[in-house]
């Protein structure tokens, strides 16, 4: 089961369209890549090749 990670300052910002964009800080706290092609993914996932 995935653990619930509390959101803190610096974990996300709102895009111009109003979407929540998670930062590298949040992804590192989460501890794994979700393979969704996140903008600030520190794990090197490439959605074009489906590989890290």
PDB file of N, CA and C in Angstrom:
ATOM      1  N   UNK A   1       0.840  -1.184   0.000  1.00  0.00           N
ATOM      2  CA  UNK A   1       0.000   0.000   0.000  1.00  0.00           C
ATOM      3  C   UNK A   1       0.885   1.247   0.000  1.00  0.00           C
ATOM      4  N   UNK A   2       0.509   2.236  -0.776  1.00  0.00           N
ATOM      5  CA  UNK A   2       1.264   3.476  -0.859  1.00  0.00           C
ATOM      6  C   UNK A   2       1.027   4.308   0.391  1.00  0.00           C
ATOM      7  N   UNK A   3       2.087   4.949   0.868  1.00  0.00           N
ATOM      8  CA  UNK A   3       1.948   5.767   2.065  1.00  0.00           C
ATOM      9  C   UNK A   3       1.470   7.164   1.705  1.00  0.00           C
ATOM     10  N   UNK A   4       0.759   7.783   2.617  1.00  0.00           N
ATOM     11  CA  UNK A   4       0.247   9.132   2.432  1.00  0.00           C
ATOM     12  C   UNK A   4       1.330  10.117   2.845  1.00  0.00           C
ATOM     13  N   UNK A   5       1.748  10.977   1.932  1.00  0.00           N
ATOM     14  CA  UNK A   5       2.798  11.942   2.202  1.00  0.00           C
ATOM     15  C   UNK A   5       2.155  13.314   2.383  1.00  0.00           C
ATOM     16  N   UNK A   6       2.342  13.925   3.545  1.00  0.00           N
ATOM     17  CA  UNK A   6       1.748  15.247   3.759  1.00  0.00           C
ATOM     18  C   UNK A   6       2.390  16.294   2.843  1.00  0.00           C
ATOM     19  N   UNK A   7       1.574  17.197   2.338  1.00  0.00           N
ATOM     20  CA  UNK A   7       2.035  18.269   1.464  1.00  0.00           C
ATOM     21  C   UNK A   7       2.574  19.404   2.334  1.00  0.00           C
ATOM     22  N   UNK A   8       3.776  19.876   1.995  1.00  0.00           N
ATOM     23  CA  UNK A   8       4.413  20.964   2.737  1.00  0.00           C
ATOM     24  C   UNK A   8       4.784  22.086   1.776  1.00  0.00           C
ATOM     25  N   UNK A   9       5.210  23.218   2.325  1.00  0.00           N
ATOM     26  CA  UNK A   9       5.661  24.333   1.496  1.00  0.00           C
ATOM     27  C   UNK A   9       6.782  23.874   0.576  1.00  0.00           C
ATOM     28  N   UNK A  10       6.715  24.248  -0.678  1.00  0.00           N
ATOM     29  CA  UNK A  10       7.734  23.905  -1.646  1.00  0.00           C
ATOM     30  C   UNK A  10       7.503  22.589  -2.364  1.00  0.00           C
ATOM     31  N   UNK A  11       6.427  21.874  -2.012  1.00  0.00           N
ATOM     32  CA  UNK A  11       6.140  20.583  -2.646  1.00  0.00           C
ATOM     33  C   UNK A  11       5.434  20.729  -3.988  1.00  0.00           C
ATOM     34  N   UNK A  12       4.790  21.863  -4.223  1.00  0.00           N
ATOM     35  CA  UNK A  12       4.098  22.077  -5.491  1.00  0.00           C
ATOM     36  C   UNK A  12       3.903  23.567  -5.730  1.00  0.00           C
ATOM     37  N   UNK A  13       3.561  23.879  -6.965  1.00  0.00           N
ATOM     38  CA  UNK A  13       3.142  25.234  -7.323  1.00  0.00           C
ATOM     39  C   UNK A  13       1.978  25.096  -8.290  1.00  0.00           C
ATOM     40  N   UNK A  14       1.250  26.172  -8.496  1.00  0.00           N
ATOM     41  CA  UNK A  14       0.122  26.153  -9.416  1.00  0.00           C
ATOM     42  C   UNK A  14       0.569  26.677 -10.775  1.00  0.00           C
ATOM     43  N   UNK A  15       0.238  25.921 -11.813  1.00  0.00           N
ATOM     44  CA  UNK A  15       0.570  26.350 -13.170  1.00  0.00           C
ATOM     45  C   UNK A  15      -0.358  27.497 -13.571  1.00  0.00           C
ATOM     46  N   UNK A  16      -0.078  28.112 -14.711  1.00  0.00           N
ATOM     47  CA  UNK A  16      -0.930  29.196 -15.205  1.00  0.00           C
ATOM     48  C   UNK A  16      -2.358  28.727 -15.440  1.00  0.00           C
ATOM     49  N   UNK A  17      -2.492  27.438 -15.751  1.00  0.00           N
ATOM     50  CA  UNK A  17      -3.824  26.867 -15.997  1.00  0.00           C
ATOM     51  C   UNK A  17      -4.524  26.478 -14.699  1.00  0.00           C
ATOM     52  N   UNK A  18      -3.830  26.561 -13.569  1.00  0.00           N
ATOM     53  CA  UNK A  18      -4.428  26.244 -12.272  1.00  0.00           C
ATOM     54  C   UNK A  18      -4.181  24.821 -11.794  1.00  0.00           C
ATOM     55  N   UNK A  19      -3.305  24.085 -12.489  1.00  0.00           N
ATOM     56  CA  UNK A  19      -2.996  22.714 -12.080  1.00  0.00           C
ATOM     57  C   UNK A  19      -1.907  22.707 -11.016  1.00  0.00           C
ATOM     58  N   UNK A  20      -1.951  21.742 -10.130  1.00  0.00           N
ATOM     59  CA  UNK A  20      -0.921  21.559  -9.124  1.00  0.00           C
ATOM     60  C   UNK A  20       0.245  20.811  -9.769  1.00  0.00           C
ATOM     61  N   UNK A  21       1.440  21.400  -9.731  1.00  0.00           N
ATOM     62  CA  UNK A  21       2.635  20.816 -10.324  1.00  0.00           C
ATOM     63  C   UNK A  21       3.586  20.461  -9.188  1.00  0.00           C
ATOM     64  N   UNK A  22       3.850  19.171  -9.009  1.00  0.00           N
ATOM     65  CA  UNK A  22       4.728  18.740  -7.928  1.00  0.00           C
ATOM     66  C   UNK A  22       6.186  19.008  -8.287  1.00  0.00           C
ATOM     67  N   UNK A  23       6.952  19.424  -7.287  1.00  0.00           N
ATOM     68  CA  UNK A  23       8.359  19.764  -7.482  1.00  0.00           C
ATOM     69  C   UNK A  23       9.252  18.546  -7.251  1.00  0.00           C
ATOM     70  N   UNK A  24      10.527  18.704  -7.585  1.00  0.00           N
ATOM     71  CA  UNK A  24      11.523  17.664  -7.342  1.00  0.00           C
ATOM     72  C   UNK A  24      11.544  17.288  -5.857  1.00  0.00           C
ATOM     73  N   UNK A  25      11.406  18.292  -5.000  1.00  0.00           N
ATOM     74  CA  UNK A  25      11.381  18.068  -3.548  1.00  0.00           C
ATOM     75  C   UNK A  25      10.308  17.044  -3.168  1.00  0.00           C
ATOM     76  N   UNK A  26       9.107  17.203  -3.703  1.00  0.00           N
ATOM     77  CA  UNK A  26       8.021  16.280  -3.382  1.00  0.00           C
ATOM     78  C   UNK A  26       8.302  14.883  -3.917  1.00  0.00           C
ATOM     79  N   UNK A  27       8.772  14.790  -5.149  1.00  0.00           N
ATOM     80  CA  UNK A  27       9.046  13.481  -5.747  1.00  0.00           C
ATOM     81  C   UNK A  27      10.101  12.720  -4.947  1.00  0.00           C
ATOM     82  N   UNK A  28      11.122  13.414  -4.481  1.00  0.00           N
ATOM     83  CA  UNK A  28      12.157  12.746  -3.685  1.00  0.00           C
ATOM     84  C   UNK A  28      11.604  12.266  -2.350  1.00  0.00           C
ATOM     85  N   UNK A  29      10.709  13.044  -1.745  1.00  0.00           N
ATOM     86  CA  UNK A  29      10.077  12.609  -0.483  1.00  0.00           C
ATOM     87  C   UNK A  29       9.218  11.375  -0.717  1.00  0.00           C
ATOM     88  N   UNK A  30       8.552  11.339  -1.850  1.00  0.00           N
ATOM     89  CA  UNK A  30       7.693  10.197  -2.160  1.00  0.00           C
ATOM     90  C   UNK A  30       8.532   8.933  -2.326  1.00  0.00           C
ATOM     91  N   UNK A  31       9.702   9.054  -2.951  1.00  0.00           N
ATOM     92  CA  UNK A  31      10.645   7.957  -2.988  1.00  0.00           C
ATOM     93  C   UNK A  31      10.563   6.994  -4.157  1.00  0.00           C
ATOM     94  N   UNK A  32       9.726   7.256  -5.142  1.00  0.00           N
ATOM     95  CA  UNK A  32       9.653   6.376  -6.306  1.00  0.00           C
ATOM     96  C   UNK A  32       9.075   7.150  -7.491  1.00  0.00           C
ATOM     97  N   UNK A  33       9.287   6.612  -8.676  1.00  0.00           N
ATOM     98  CA  UNK A  33       8.745   7.209  -9.893  1.00  0.00           C
ATOM     99  C   UNK A  33       7.381   6.590 -10.197  1.00  0.00           C
ATOM    100  N   UNK A  34       6.403   7.434 -10.487  1.00  0.00           N
ATOM    101  CA  UNK A  34       5.059   6.945 -10.805  1.00  0.00           C
ATOM    102  C   UNK A  34       4.893   6.675 -12.302  1.00  0.00           C
ATOM    103  N   UNK A  35       5.924   6.984 -13.090  1.00  0.00           N
ATOM    104  CA  UNK A  35       5.928   6.781 -14.544  1.00  0.00           C
ATOM    105  C   UNK A  35       4.787   7.500 -15.252  1.00  0.00           C
ATOM    106  N   UNK A  36       4.483   8.713 -14.786  1.00  0.00           N
ATOM    107  CA  UNK A  36       3.441   9.530 -15.418  1.00  0.00           C
ATOM    108  C   UNK A  36       4.014  10.654 -16.258  1.00  0.00           C
ATOM    109  N   UNK A  37       5.344  10.752 -16.335  1.00  0.00           N
ATOM    110  CA  UNK A  37       5.966  11.811 -17.109  1.00  0.00           C
ATOM    111  C   UNK A  37       5.908  13.161 -16.423  1.00  0.00           C
ATOM    112  N   UNK A  38       6.058  13.180 -15.116  1.00  0.00           N
ATOM    113  CA  UNK A  38       5.987  14.422 -14.342  1.00  0.00           C
ATOM    114  C   UNK A  38       7.056  15.413 -14.784  1.00  0.00           C
ATOM    115  N   UNK A  39       6.712  16.677 -14.784  1.00  0.00           N
ATOM    116  CA  UNK A  39       7.593  17.741 -15.244  1.00  0.00           C
ATOM    117  C   UNK A  39       8.906  17.801 -14.474  1.00  0.00           C
ATOM    118  N   UNK A  40       8.886  17.557 -13.182  1.00  0.00           N
ATOM    119  CA  UNK A  40      10.078  17.686 -12.344  1.00  0.00           C
ATOM    120  C   UNK A  40      10.564  16.339 -11.805  1.00  0.00           C
ATOM    121  N   UNK A  41      10.390  15.280 -12.564  1.00  0.00           N
ATOM    122  CA  UNK A  41      10.781  13.939 -12.118  1.00  0.00           C
ATOM    123  C   UNK A  41      12.300  13.846 -11.957  1.00  0.00           C
ATOM    124  N   UNK A  42      12.784  13.525 -10.734  1.00  0.00           N
ATOM    125  CA  UNK A  42      14.225  13.392 -10.518  1.00  0.00           C
ATOM    126  C   UNK A  42      14.740  11.995 -10.837  1.00  0.00           C
ATOM    127  N   UNK A  43      13.862  11.096 -11.261  1.00  0.00           N
ATOM    128  CA  UNK A  43      14.244   9.704 -11.481  1.00  0.00           C
ATOM    129  C   UNK A  43      14.603   9.397 -12.934  1.00  0.00           C
ATOM    130  N   UNK A  44      14.490  10.388 -13.807  1.00  0.00           N
ATOM    131  CA  UNK A  44      14.917  10.214 -15.189  1.00  0.00           C
ATOM    132  C   UNK A  44      13.953   9.448 -16.070  1.00  0.00           C
ATOM    133  N   UNK A  45      12.690   9.383 -15.697  1.00  0.00           N
ATOM    134  CA  UNK A  45      11.710   8.662 -16.518  1.00  0.00           C
ATOM    135  C   UNK A  45      11.488   9.396 -17.834  1.00  0.00           C
ATOM    136  N   UNK A  46      11.489   8.657 -18.938  1.00  0.00           N
ATOM    137  CA  UNK A  46      11.236   9.207 -20.263  1.00  0.00           C
ATOM    138  C   UNK A  46       9.963   8.576 -20.811  1.00  0.00           C
ATOM    139  N   UNK A  47       8.869   9.339 -20.896  1.00  0.00           N
ATOM    140  CA  UNK A  47       7.604   8.753 -21.370  1.00  0.00           C
ATOM    141  C   UNK A  47       7.655   8.307 -22.830  1.00  0.00           C
ATOM    142  N   UNK A  48       8.587   8.847 -23.605  1.00  0.00           N
ATOM    143  CA  UNK A  48       8.705   8.450 -25.013  1.00  0.00           C
ATOM    144  C   UNK A  48       9.235   7.037 -25.156  1.00  0.00           C
ATOM    145  N   UNK A  49      10.163   6.645 -24.259  1.00  0.00           N
ATOM    146  CA  UNK A  49      10.738   5.305 -24.308  1.00  0.00           C
ATOM    147  C   UNK A  49      10.182   4.394 -23.228  1.00  0.00           C
ATOM    148  N   UNK A  50       9.404   4.973 -22.302  1.00  0.00           N
ATOM    149  CA  UNK A  50       8.838   4.236 -21.173  1.00  0.00           C
ATOM    150  C   UNK A  50       9.930   3.611 -20.305  1.00  0.00           C
ATOM    151  N   UNK A  51      11.037   4.325 -20.141  1.00  0.00           N
ATOM    152  CA  UNK A  51      12.166   3.825 -19.338  1.00  0.00           C
ATOM    153  C   UNK A  51      12.707   4.921 -18.444  1.00  0.00           C
ATOM    154  N   UNK A  52      13.374   4.474 -17.394  1.00  0.00           N
ATOM    155  CA  UNK A  52      14.061   5.400 -16.489  1.00  0.00           C
ATOM    156  C   UNK A  52      15.515   5.449 -16.825  1.00  0.00           C
TER     157      UNK A  52
END
